[in-house]
Amino acid sequence: METLSKKDCRKNNTNKVFRVVILLLIISFTTRSFGQEKPENKIVLPIEVKAAFEKRYPDVKASWTREYRGYNNNQLRYEAKFRGSQGNDLAVFDNLGNLKAFESSIALSNLPKKATNYLKKAHLLKKVTEAVKVTDMDIQSDSDIDLNVKSMITYEVGVVKENLFYDLVFTDKGDFIRMVQKD
């Protein structure tokens, strides 16, 4: 049986220490890089957007996202989600700080009577998960729309039917427009 000399033992221990130090450095570097915020997730708001939001909603903290919308997805929009008086609200701004749309959570009792009647007849009233009032200031020219109109109000009611989520869209008077399946 072969015995190790003191020199061989020290060399063996040095190799183990070296391996442990390398392993700790790798773990430290990996943990540190995962903990850092990714630059692509951080949204830098244009000054105009930030000023417009703060003017309309002073002292409100919002969670921001950035989306491309419109024909060919060529219109950049900044969306601010925040807690409103009746629930979650959403304000949509263009890159110049113009408010393009506003969604506000509402109680079912605030829906137009025609919309409530439609939901009752379709047996969907008990399946409602949310209701929002949408004010759209980004009216596109269309033959069905009066070009003198500055904004359009619609109501969206979220329902779950057969384990699928749908938005039912109603006019400001409560007339049914369409049902859209959501993810």
N, C-alpha and C. Protein backbone atom coordinates (compact mmCIF):
# COMPACT_ATOMS: atom_id res chain seq x y z
N MET A 1 0.83 -1.16 0.00
CA MET A 1 0.00 0.00 0.00
C MET A 1 0.88 1.24 0.00
N GLU A 2 0.46 2.16 -0.84
CA GLU A 2 1.28 3.36 -1.03
C GLU A 2 0.77 4.47 -0.12
N THR A 3 1.65 5.15 0.56
CA THR A 3 1.26 6.26 1.43
C THR A 3 1.63 7.57 0.75
N LEU A 4 0.81 8.58 1.02
CA LEU A 4 1.05 9.89 0.43
C LEU A 4 1.95 10.70 1.34
N SER A 5 2.84 11.41 0.73
CA SER A 5 3.71 12.27 1.51
C SER A 5 2.96 13.54 1.88
N LYS A 6 3.54 14.31 2.80
CA LYS A 6 2.93 15.58 3.21
C LYS A 6 2.81 16.52 2.02
N LYS A 7 3.77 16.49 1.14
CA LYS A 7 3.77 17.36 -0.03
C LYS A 7 2.61 17.00 -0.95
N ASP A 8 2.40 15.68 -1.15
CA ASP A 8 1.29 15.23 -2.00
C ASP A 8 -0.06 15.60 -1.37
N CYS A 9 -0.17 15.50 -0.06
CA CYS A 9 -1.42 15.85 0.63
C CYS A 9 -1.73 17.33 0.47
N ARG A 10 -0.69 18.18 0.64
CA ARG A 10 -0.89 19.62 0.48
C ARG A 10 -1.32 19.94 -0.95
N LYS A 11 -0.71 19.28 -1.92
CA LYS A 11 -1.02 19.51 -3.32
C LYS A 11 -2.47 19.10 -3.61
N ASN A 12 -2.89 17.96 -3.05
CA ASN A 12 -4.24 17.47 -3.21
C ASN A 12 -5.25 18.44 -2.57
N ASN A 13 -4.96 18.94 -1.38
CA ASN A 13 -5.83 19.90 -0.69
C ASN A 13 -5.89 21.22 -1.45
N THR A 14 -4.76 21.65 -2.01
CA THR A 14 -4.72 22.89 -2.79
C THR A 14 -5.62 22.76 -4.02
N ASN A 15 -5.60 21.60 -4.68
CA ASN A 15 -6.47 21.37 -5.83
C ASN A 15 -7.95 21.45 -5.44
N LYS A 16 -8.28 20.87 -4.29
CA LYS A 16 -9.66 20.90 -3.82
C LYS A 16 -10.09 22.33 -3.51
N VAL A 17 -9.25 23.08 -2.84
CA VAL A 17 -9.55 24.48 -2.50
C VAL A 17 -9.71 25.29 -3.78
N PHE A 18 -8.82 25.07 -4.73
CA PHE A 18 -8.88 25.78 -6.01
C PHE A 18 -10.21 25.49 -6.71
N ARG A 19 -10.63 24.24 -6.73
CA ARG A 19 -11.90 23.86 -7.37
C ARG A 19 -13.09 24.51 -6.66
N VAL A 20 -13.06 24.53 -5.35
CA VAL A 20 -14.16 25.13 -4.57
C VAL A 20 -14.24 26.63 -4.85
N VAL A 21 -13.09 27.31 -4.89
CA VAL A 21 -13.05 28.75 -5.16
C VAL A 21 -13.60 29.03 -6.55
N ILE A 22 -13.20 28.27 -7.55
CA ILE A 22 -13.70 28.44 -8.92
C ILE A 22 -15.21 28.22 -8.96
N LEU A 23 -15.68 27.17 -8.29
CA LEU A 23 -17.11 26.88 -8.25
C LEU A 23 -17.88 28.02 -7.59
N LEU A 24 -17.38 28.55 -6.50
CA LEU A 24 -18.04 29.67 -5.82
C LEU A 24 -18.07 30.93 -6.70
N LEU A 25 -16.99 31.17 -7.42
CA LEU A 25 -16.97 32.33 -8.33
C LEU A 25 -18.02 32.17 -9.43
N ILE A 26 -18.13 30.97 -9.98
CA ILE A 26 -19.11 30.73 -11.04
C ILE A 26 -20.53 30.92 -10.49
N ILE A 27 -20.82 30.37 -9.33
CA ILE A 27 -22.14 30.52 -8.72
C ILE A 27 -22.44 31.98 -8.42
N SER A 28 -21.46 32.68 -7.88
CA SER A 28 -21.63 34.09 -7.55
C SER A 28 -21.94 34.91 -8.80
N PHE A 29 -21.20 34.71 -9.86
CA PHE A 29 -21.39 35.44 -11.11
C PHE A 29 -22.76 35.14 -11.71
N THR A 30 -23.15 33.86 -11.73
CA THR A 30 -24.43 33.45 -12.30
C THR A 30 -25.59 34.04 -11.51
N THR A 31 -25.54 33.98 -10.20
CA THR A 31 -26.60 34.51 -9.35
C THR A 31 -26.71 36.02 -9.53
N ARG A 32 -25.60 36.69 -9.61
CA ARG A 32 -25.59 38.14 -9.76
C ARG A 32 -26.17 38.57 -11.10
N SER A 33 -25.85 37.85 -12.16
CA SER A 33 -26.36 38.24 -13.48
C SER A 33 -27.84 37.95 -13.61
N PHE A 34 -28.37 36.90 -12.95
CA PHE A 34 -29.80 36.63 -12.99
C PHE A 34 -30.57 37.66 -12.17
N GLY A 35 -30.00 38.18 -11.14
CA GLY A 35 -30.67 39.14 -10.27
C GLY A 35 -30.77 40.53 -10.85
N GLN A 36 -30.00 40.83 -11.87
CA GLN A 36 -30.03 42.16 -12.45
C GLN A 36 -31.22 42.31 -13.38
N GLU A 37 -31.75 43.53 -13.42
CA GLU A 37 -32.87 43.82 -14.30
C GLU A 37 -32.38 43.83 -15.74
N LYS A 38 -33.15 43.19 -16.60
CA LYS A 38 -32.79 43.14 -18.00
C LYS A 38 -33.09 44.50 -18.64
N PRO A 39 -32.17 45.07 -19.40
CA PRO A 39 -32.40 46.38 -19.99
C PRO A 39 -33.59 46.43 -20.94
N GLU A 40 -33.90 45.30 -21.63
CA GLU A 40 -35.02 45.32 -22.56
C GLU A 40 -36.36 45.36 -21.85
N ASN A 41 -36.43 45.03 -20.55
CA ASN A 41 -37.67 45.08 -19.80
C ASN A 41 -37.92 46.46 -19.20
N LYS A 42 -36.92 47.27 -19.11
CA LYS A 42 -37.06 48.59 -18.53
C LYS A 42 -37.57 49.55 -19.60
N ILE A 43 -38.65 50.23 -19.27
CA ILE A 43 -39.25 51.15 -20.23
C ILE A 43 -38.84 52.57 -19.87
N VAL A 44 -38.27 53.24 -20.83
CA VAL A 44 -37.90 54.64 -20.67
C VAL A 44 -39.00 55.46 -21.34
N LEU A 45 -39.71 56.22 -20.52
CA LEU A 45 -40.81 57.03 -21.04
C LEU A 45 -40.30 58.32 -21.64
N PRO A 46 -40.87 58.72 -22.77
CA PRO A 46 -40.56 60.06 -23.27
C PRO A 46 -41.02 61.11 -22.25
N ILE A 47 -40.34 62.21 -22.20
CA ILE A 47 -40.68 63.28 -21.25
C ILE A 47 -42.13 63.71 -21.42
N GLU A 48 -42.59 63.79 -22.67
CA GLU A 48 -43.96 64.23 -22.95
C GLU A 48 -44.99 63.27 -22.34
N VAL A 49 -44.72 61.97 -22.42
CA VAL A 49 -45.65 60.97 -21.89
C VAL A 49 -45.68 61.06 -20.36
N LYS A 50 -44.51 61.14 -19.76
CA LYS A 50 -44.44 61.21 -18.30
C LYS A 50 -45.14 62.47 -17.80
N ALA A 51 -44.91 63.61 -18.45
CA ALA A 51 -45.54 64.88 -18.03
C ALA A 51 -47.05 64.83 -18.20
N ALA A 52 -47.52 64.27 -19.31
CA ALA A 52 -48.96 64.18 -19.55
C ALA A 52 -49.64 63.29 -18.52
N PHE A 53 -49.01 62.16 -18.19
CA PHE A 53 -49.58 61.26 -17.18
C PHE A 53 -49.64 61.94 -15.82
N GLU A 54 -48.53 62.56 -15.41
CA GLU A 54 -48.48 63.21 -14.10
C GLU A 54 -49.46 64.37 -13.99
N LYS A 55 -49.72 65.05 -15.11
CA LYS A 55 -50.68 66.16 -15.11
C LYS A 55 -52.10 65.63 -14.92
N ARG A 56 -52.44 64.55 -15.62
CA ARG A 56 -53.79 63.96 -15.53
C ARG A 56 -54.00 63.19 -14.23
N TYR A 57 -52.99 62.50 -13.78
CA TYR A 57 -53.10 61.61 -12.61
C TYR A 57 -51.99 61.91 -11.61
N PRO A 58 -52.06 63.05 -10.94
CA PRO A 58 -51.00 63.39 -9.97
C PRO A 58 -50.97 62.39 -8.80
N ASP A 59 -49.79 62.10 -8.34
CA ASP A 59 -49.57 61.21 -7.19
C ASP A 59 -50.04 59.77 -7.44
N VAL A 60 -50.11 59.34 -8.68
CA VAL A 60 -50.51 57.97 -9.00
C VAL A 60 -49.29 57.21 -9.52
N LYS A 61 -49.07 56.05 -8.97
CA LYS A 61 -47.99 55.16 -9.43
C LYS A 61 -48.58 54.20 -10.45
N ALA A 62 -47.89 54.06 -11.57
CA ALA A 62 -48.39 53.20 -12.65
C ALA A 62 -47.35 52.17 -13.05
N SER A 63 -47.83 51.10 -13.62
CA SER A 63 -46.99 50.08 -14.22
C SER A 63 -47.07 50.28 -15.73
N TRP A 64 -45.93 50.48 -16.38
CA TRP A 64 -45.90 50.85 -17.79
C TRP A 64 -45.52 49.70 -18.69
N THR A 65 -46.17 49.65 -19.86
CA THR A 65 -45.78 48.75 -20.94
C THR A 65 -45.72 49.56 -22.23
N ARG A 66 -45.06 48.99 -23.21
CA ARG A 66 -44.93 49.67 -24.50
C ARG A 66 -45.42 48.70 -25.57
N GLU A 67 -46.28 49.18 -26.46
CA GLU A 67 -46.87 48.33 -27.49
C GLU A 67 -46.87 49.06 -28.82
N TYR A 68 -46.81 48.28 -29.87
CA TYR A 68 -47.02 48.83 -31.21
C TYR A 68 -48.43 48.45 -31.63
N ARG A 69 -49.17 49.44 -32.14
CA ARG A 69 -50.55 49.22 -32.56
C ARG A 69 -50.78 49.84 -33.92
N GLY A 70 -52.03 49.75 -34.35
CA GLY A 70 -52.42 50.37 -35.61
C GLY A 70 -52.15 49.47 -36.79
N TYR A 71 -52.45 49.99 -37.95
CA TYR A 71 -52.24 49.27 -39.19
C TYR A 71 -50.74 49.02 -39.36
N ASN A 72 -50.37 47.78 -39.57
CA ASN A 72 -48.96 47.36 -39.69
C ASN A 72 -48.16 47.55 -38.40
N ASN A 73 -48.83 47.69 -37.28
CA ASN A 73 -48.14 47.88 -35.99
C ASN A 73 -47.10 48.99 -36.05
N ASN A 74 -47.46 50.11 -36.63
CA ASN A 74 -46.49 51.20 -36.79
C ASN A 74 -46.71 52.38 -35.84
N GLN A 75 -47.63 52.23 -34.88
CA GLN A 75 -47.89 53.30 -33.93
C GLN A 75 -47.46 52.86 -32.53
N LEU A 76 -46.48 53.54 -31.99
CA LEU A 76 -45.98 53.22 -30.66
C LEU A 76 -46.92 53.79 -29.62
N ARG A 77 -47.31 52.96 -28.66
CA ARG A 77 -48.20 53.38 -27.58
C ARG A 77 -47.59 52.99 -26.24
N TYR A 78 -47.79 53.86 -25.25
CA TYR A 78 -47.35 53.60 -23.88
C TYR A 78 -48.59 53.41 -23.03
N GLU A 79 -48.66 52.28 -22.31
CA GLU A 79 -49.83 51.94 -21.52
C GLU A 79 -49.48 52.00 -20.04
N ALA A 80 -50.27 52.78 -19.31
CA ALA A 80 -50.09 52.91 -17.86
C ALA A 80 -51.23 52.18 -17.16
N LYS A 81 -50.90 51.16 -16.40
CA LYS A 81 -51.90 50.45 -15.59
C LYS A 81 -51.77 50.93 -14.16
N PHE A 82 -52.92 51.27 -13.57
CA PHE A 82 -52.89 51.78 -12.20
C PHE A 82 -54.23 51.52 -11.52
N ARG A 83 -54.24 51.69 -10.23
CA ARG A 83 -55.45 51.46 -9.41
C ARG A 83 -56.30 52.71 -9.46
N GLY A 84 -57.53 52.56 -9.97
CA GLY A 84 -58.48 53.66 -10.03
C GLY A 84 -59.48 53.59 -8.90
N SER A 85 -60.51 54.40 -8.99
CA SER A 85 -61.50 54.47 -7.91
C SER A 85 -62.33 53.20 -7.79
N GLN A 86 -62.57 52.49 -8.91
CA GLN A 86 -63.39 51.27 -8.85
C GLN A 86 -62.63 50.01 -9.23
N GLY A 87 -61.35 50.12 -9.42
CA GLY A 87 -60.57 48.95 -9.80
C GLY A 87 -59.37 49.35 -10.62
N ASN A 88 -58.99 48.48 -11.52
CA ASN A 88 -57.83 48.74 -12.36
C ASN A 88 -58.19 49.61 -13.55
N ASP A 89 -57.36 50.61 -13.81
CA ASP A 89 -57.55 51.51 -14.94
C ASP A 89 -56.34 51.40 -15.86
N LEU A 90 -56.56 51.82 -17.11
CA LEU A 90 -55.51 51.78 -18.12
C LEU A 90 -55.60 53.05 -18.95
N ALA A 91 -54.48 53.78 -19.03
CA ALA A 91 -54.40 54.97 -19.87
C ALA A 91 -53.37 54.70 -20.96
N VAL A 92 -53.73 55.01 -22.20
CA VAL A 92 -52.86 54.74 -23.35
C VAL A 92 -52.45 56.08 -23.98
N PHE A 93 -51.14 56.29 -24.10
CA PHE A 93 -50.60 57.52 -24.66
C PHE A 93 -49.78 57.23 -25.90
N ASP A 94 -49.74 58.19 -26.83
CA ASP A 94 -48.79 58.07 -27.93
C ASP A 94 -47.45 58.65 -27.47
N ASN A 95 -46.44 58.62 -28.32
CA ASN A 95 -45.11 59.05 -27.90
C ASN A 95 -44.99 60.57 -27.73
N LEU A 96 -46.04 61.32 -28.10
CA LEU A 96 -46.04 62.77 -27.89
C LEU A 96 -46.79 63.17 -26.62
N GLY A 97 -47.33 62.20 -25.91
CA GLY A 97 -48.03 62.47 -24.67
C GLY A 97 -49.52 62.69 -24.84
N ASN A 98 -50.06 62.41 -26.02
CA ASN A 98 -51.50 62.55 -26.25
C ASN A 98 -52.21 61.30 -25.72
N LEU A 99 -53.26 61.53 -24.91
CA LEU A 99 -54.05 60.41 -24.41
C LEU A 99 -54.87 59.84 -25.57
N LYS A 100 -54.68 58.57 -25.86
CA LYS A 100 -55.36 57.93 -26.98
C LYS A 100 -56.55 57.09 -26.56
N ALA A 101 -56.50 56.52 -25.36
CA ALA A 101 -57.60 55.70 -24.87
C ALA A 101 -57.51 55.61 -23.36
N PHE A 102 -58.69 55.37 -22.76
CA PHE A 102 -58.73 55.20 -21.32
C PHE A 102 -59.76 54.12 -21.00
N GLU A 103 -59.34 53.13 -20.20
CA GLU A 103 -60.23 52.06 -19.75
C GLU A 103 -60.37 52.16 -18.24
N SER A 104 -61.62 52.12 -17.79
CA SER A 104 -61.88 52.22 -16.37
C SER A 104 -62.80 51.09 -15.94
N SER A 105 -62.42 50.38 -14.88
CA SER A 105 -63.28 49.32 -14.34
C SER A 105 -64.56 49.95 -13.81
N ILE A 106 -65.67 49.27 -14.07
CA ILE A 106 -66.96 49.77 -13.57
C ILE A 106 -67.74 48.61 -12.96
N ALA A 107 -68.72 48.97 -12.14
CA ALA A 107 -69.63 47.97 -11.59
C ALA A 107 -70.64 47.59 -12.66
N LEU A 108 -71.17 46.38 -12.59
CA LEU A 108 -72.17 45.94 -13.56
C LEU A 108 -73.38 46.86 -13.58
N SER A 109 -73.70 47.43 -12.44
CA SER A 109 -74.85 48.33 -12.36
C SER A 109 -74.65 49.61 -13.17
N ASN A 110 -73.41 49.91 -13.56
CA ASN A 110 -73.13 51.10 -14.38
C ASN A 110 -73.17 50.83 -15.87
N LEU A 111 -73.44 49.59 -16.27
CA LEU A 111 -73.60 49.28 -17.69
C LEU A 111 -74.92 49.87 -18.19
N PRO A 112 -74.98 50.23 -19.46
CA PRO A 112 -76.26 50.66 -20.02
C PRO A 112 -77.30 49.54 -19.88
N LYS A 113 -78.56 49.92 -19.71
CA LYS A 113 -79.65 48.97 -19.49
C LYS A 113 -79.73 47.93 -20.62
N LYS A 114 -79.54 48.36 -21.86
CA LYS A 114 -79.61 47.43 -23.00
C LYS A 114 -78.54 46.35 -22.90
N ALA A 115 -77.36 46.72 -22.46
CA ALA A 115 -76.27 45.74 -22.32
C ALA A 115 -76.60 44.73 -21.22
N THR A 116 -77.14 45.21 -20.12
CA THR A 116 -77.52 44.32 -19.02
C THR A 116 -78.61 43.36 -19.49
N ASN A 117 -79.60 43.87 -20.22
CA ASN A 117 -80.67 43.02 -20.74
C ASN A 117 -80.12 41.97 -21.70
N TYR A 118 -79.17 42.34 -22.55
CA TYR A 118 -78.55 41.39 -23.47
C TYR A 118 -77.87 40.27 -22.69
N LEU A 119 -77.13 40.62 -21.65
CA LEU A 119 -76.43 39.62 -20.84
C LEU A 119 -77.42 38.68 -20.15
N LYS A 120 -78.56 39.23 -19.69
CA LYS A 120 -79.59 38.39 -19.06
C LYS A 120 -80.17 37.41 -20.07
N LYS A 121 -80.54 37.90 -21.27
CA LYS A 121 -81.15 37.05 -22.30
C LYS A 121 -80.19 35.96 -22.76
N ALA A 122 -78.90 36.28 -22.84
CA ALA A 122 -77.90 35.31 -23.30
C ALA A 122 -77.42 34.40 -22.16
N HIS A 123 -78.01 34.57 -20.98
CA HIS A 123 -77.63 33.79 -19.79
C HIS A 123 -76.14 33.91 -19.47
N LEU A 124 -75.61 35.10 -19.64
CA LEU A 124 -74.19 35.34 -19.37
C LEU A 124 -73.95 36.20 -18.13
N LEU A 125 -75.00 36.74 -17.55
CA LEU A 125 -74.84 37.67 -16.43
C LEU A 125 -74.07 37.05 -15.26
N LYS A 126 -74.31 35.78 -14.97
CA LYS A 126 -73.62 35.12 -13.86
C LYS A 126 -72.19 34.72 -14.20
N LYS A 127 -71.82 34.84 -15.48
CA LYS A 127 -70.48 34.44 -15.92
C LYS A 127 -69.56 35.64 -16.13
N VAL A 128 -70.02 36.83 -15.75
CA VAL A 128 -69.24 38.05 -15.95
C VAL A 128 -68.07 38.08 -14.96
N THR A 129 -66.87 38.37 -15.48
CA THR A 129 -65.69 38.47 -14.63
C THR A 129 -65.25 39.92 -14.43
N GLU A 130 -65.57 40.79 -15.40
CA GLU A 130 -65.18 42.19 -15.31
C GLU A 130 -66.00 43.02 -16.29
N ALA A 131 -66.06 44.31 -16.01
CA ALA A 131 -66.71 45.25 -16.93
C ALA A 131 -65.87 46.53 -16.94
N VAL A 132 -65.65 47.07 -18.14
CA VAL A 132 -64.87 48.30 -18.27
C VAL A 132 -65.55 49.25 -19.24
N LYS A 133 -65.36 50.51 -18.96
CA LYS A 133 -65.81 51.57 -19.87
C LYS A 133 -64.57 52.03 -20.62
N VAL A 134 -64.65 52.01 -21.95
CA VAL A 134 -63.51 52.36 -22.79
C VAL A 134 -63.81 53.66 -23.53
N THR A 135 -62.95 54.65 -23.34
CA THR A 135 -63.06 55.89 -24.09
C THR A 135 -61.89 55.92 -25.05
N ASP A 136 -62.22 55.88 -26.34
CA ASP A 136 -61.19 55.83 -27.39
C ASP A 136 -61.09 57.19 -28.05
N MET A 137 -59.95 57.85 -27.89
CA MET A 137 -59.71 59.15 -28.49
C MET A 137 -58.97 59.04 -29.81
N ASP A 138 -58.66 57.82 -30.21
CA ASP A 138 -57.86 57.58 -31.42
C ASP A 138 -58.78 57.10 -32.54
N ILE A 139 -59.77 57.92 -32.87
CA ILE A 139 -60.75 57.55 -33.89
C ILE A 139 -60.09 57.62 -35.26
N GLN A 140 -60.16 56.50 -35.98
CA GLN A 140 -59.62 56.44 -37.34
C GLN A 140 -60.72 56.81 -38.32
N SER A 141 -60.36 57.41 -39.44
CA SER A 141 -61.37 57.75 -40.43
C SER A 141 -61.94 56.46 -41.01
N ASP A 142 -63.25 56.38 -40.97
CA ASP A 142 -63.96 55.20 -41.43
C ASP A 142 -65.32 55.68 -41.91
N SER A 143 -65.88 55.05 -42.94
CA SER A 143 -67.14 55.51 -43.50
C SER A 143 -68.28 55.42 -42.49
N ASP A 144 -68.17 54.54 -41.49
CA ASP A 144 -69.24 54.39 -40.50
C ASP A 144 -69.16 55.40 -39.37
N ILE A 145 -68.08 56.13 -39.29
CA ILE A 145 -67.85 57.01 -38.14
C ILE A 145 -67.92 58.47 -38.57
N ASP A 146 -68.64 59.26 -37.80
CA ASP A 146 -68.72 60.70 -38.04
C ASP A 146 -67.37 61.31 -37.70
N LEU A 147 -66.75 61.98 -38.67
CA LEU A 147 -65.41 62.52 -38.48
C LEU A 147 -65.37 63.69 -37.50
N ASN A 148 -66.53 64.24 -37.12
CA ASN A 148 -66.57 65.33 -36.14
C ASN A 148 -66.50 64.81 -34.71
N VAL A 149 -66.62 63.51 -34.54
CA VAL A 149 -66.58 62.91 -33.21
C VAL A 149 -65.15 62.92 -32.70
N LYS A 150 -64.96 63.41 -31.49
CA LYS A 150 -63.62 63.49 -30.90
C LYS A 150 -63.24 62.20 -30.17
N SER A 151 -64.24 61.50 -29.62
CA SER A 151 -63.96 60.26 -28.92
C SER A 151 -65.17 59.34 -29.02
N MET A 152 -64.95 58.07 -28.73
CA MET A 152 -66.02 57.08 -28.79
C MET A 152 -65.99 56.26 -27.51
N ILE A 153 -67.14 56.07 -26.92
CA ILE A 153 -67.25 55.28 -25.69
C ILE A 153 -67.87 53.94 -26.02
N THR A 154 -67.25 52.89 -25.53
CA THR A 154 -67.81 51.54 -25.61
C THR A 154 -67.68 50.89 -24.24
N TYR A 155 -68.37 49.79 -24.08
CA TYR A 155 -68.28 49.01 -22.84
C TYR A 155 -67.82 47.62 -23.22
N GLU A 156 -66.89 47.08 -22.45
CA GLU A 156 -66.43 45.72 -22.66
C GLU A 156 -66.73 44.92 -21.41
N VAL A 157 -67.36 43.77 -21.62
CA VAL A 157 -67.72 42.90 -20.50
C VAL A 157 -67.02 41.57 -20.71
N GLY A 158 -66.21 41.18 -19.74
CA GLY A 158 -65.49 39.91 -19.80
C GLY A 158 -66.34 38.80 -19.24
N VAL A 159 -66.49 37.72 -19.99
CA VAL A 159 -67.26 36.57 -19.53
C VAL A 159 -66.47 35.29 -19.79
N VAL A 160 -66.77 34.29 -18.97
CA VAL A 160 -66.18 32.96 -19.18
C VAL A 160 -67.32 32.06 -19.62
N LYS A 161 -67.14 31.45 -20.78
CA LYS A 161 -68.15 30.56 -21.34
C LYS A 161 -67.44 29.32 -21.85
N GLU A 162 -67.82 28.16 -21.33
CA GLU A 162 -67.22 26.88 -21.71
C GLU A 162 -65.70 26.92 -21.57
N ASN A 163 -65.24 27.45 -20.45
CA ASN A 163 -63.82 27.55 -20.09
C ASN A 163 -63.00 28.44 -21.02
N LEU A 164 -63.64 29.28 -21.80
CA LEU A 164 -62.96 30.24 -22.66
C LEU A 164 -63.36 31.64 -22.22
N PHE A 165 -62.42 32.59 -22.39
CA PHE A 165 -62.68 33.97 -21.98
C PHE A 165 -63.04 34.80 -23.21
N TYR A 166 -64.10 35.58 -23.08
CA TYR A 166 -64.57 36.44 -24.17
C TYR A 166 -64.78 37.86 -23.66
N ASP A 167 -64.58 38.82 -24.54
CA ASP A 167 -64.97 40.21 -24.32
C ASP A 167 -66.19 40.48 -25.18
N LEU A 168 -67.28 40.90 -24.56
CA LEU A 168 -68.46 41.34 -25.30
C LEU A 168 -68.39 42.85 -25.36
N VAL A 169 -68.51 43.41 -26.54
CA VAL A 169 -68.36 44.85 -26.73
C VAL A 169 -69.73 45.44 -27.05
N PHE A 170 -70.06 46.53 -26.33
CA PHE A 170 -71.33 47.22 -26.48
C PHE A 170 -71.07 48.70 -26.80
N THR A 171 -72.03 49.33 -27.49
CA THR A 171 -71.94 50.77 -27.75
C THR A 171 -72.22 51.53 -26.46
N ASP A 172 -72.09 52.85 -26.53
CA ASP A 172 -72.36 53.68 -25.36
C ASP A 172 -73.83 53.62 -24.96
N LYS A 173 -74.71 53.22 -25.87
CA LYS A 173 -76.14 53.09 -25.57
C LYS A 173 -76.49 51.66 -25.13
N GLY A 174 -75.54 50.73 -25.25
CA GLY A 174 -75.77 49.36 -24.80
C GLY A 174 -76.07 48.37 -25.90
N ASP A 175 -75.97 48.79 -27.15
CA ASP A 175 -76.20 47.87 -28.26
C ASP A 175 -75.00 46.94 -28.42
N PHE A 176 -75.28 45.65 -28.62
CA PHE A 176 -74.21 44.66 -28.78
C PHE A 176 -73.49 44.90 -30.12
N ILE A 177 -72.14 44.89 -30.09
CA ILE A 177 -71.34 45.07 -31.31
C ILE A 177 -70.74 43.75 -31.73
N ARG A 178 -69.97 43.14 -30.82
CA ARG A 178 -69.28 41.89 -31.18
C ARG A 178 -68.79 41.17 -29.93
N MET A 179 -68.42 39.91 -30.14
CA MET A 179 -67.82 39.11 -29.08
C MET A 179 -66.45 38.67 -29.58
N VAL A 180 -65.42 38.88 -28.75
CA VAL A 180 -64.04 38.59 -29.14
C VAL A 180 -63.45 37.60 -28.14
N GLN A 181 -62.92 36.48 -28.66
CA GLN A 181 -62.27 35.51 -27.78
C GLN A 181 -60.89 36.02 -27.40
N LYS A 182 -60.56 35.92 -26.13
CA LYS A 182 -59.26 36.38 -25.61
C LYS A 182 -58.46 35.19 -25.15
N ASP A 183 -57.16 35.40 -24.99
CA ASP A 183 -56.26 34.35 -24.48
C ASP A 183 -56.38 34.20 -23.00
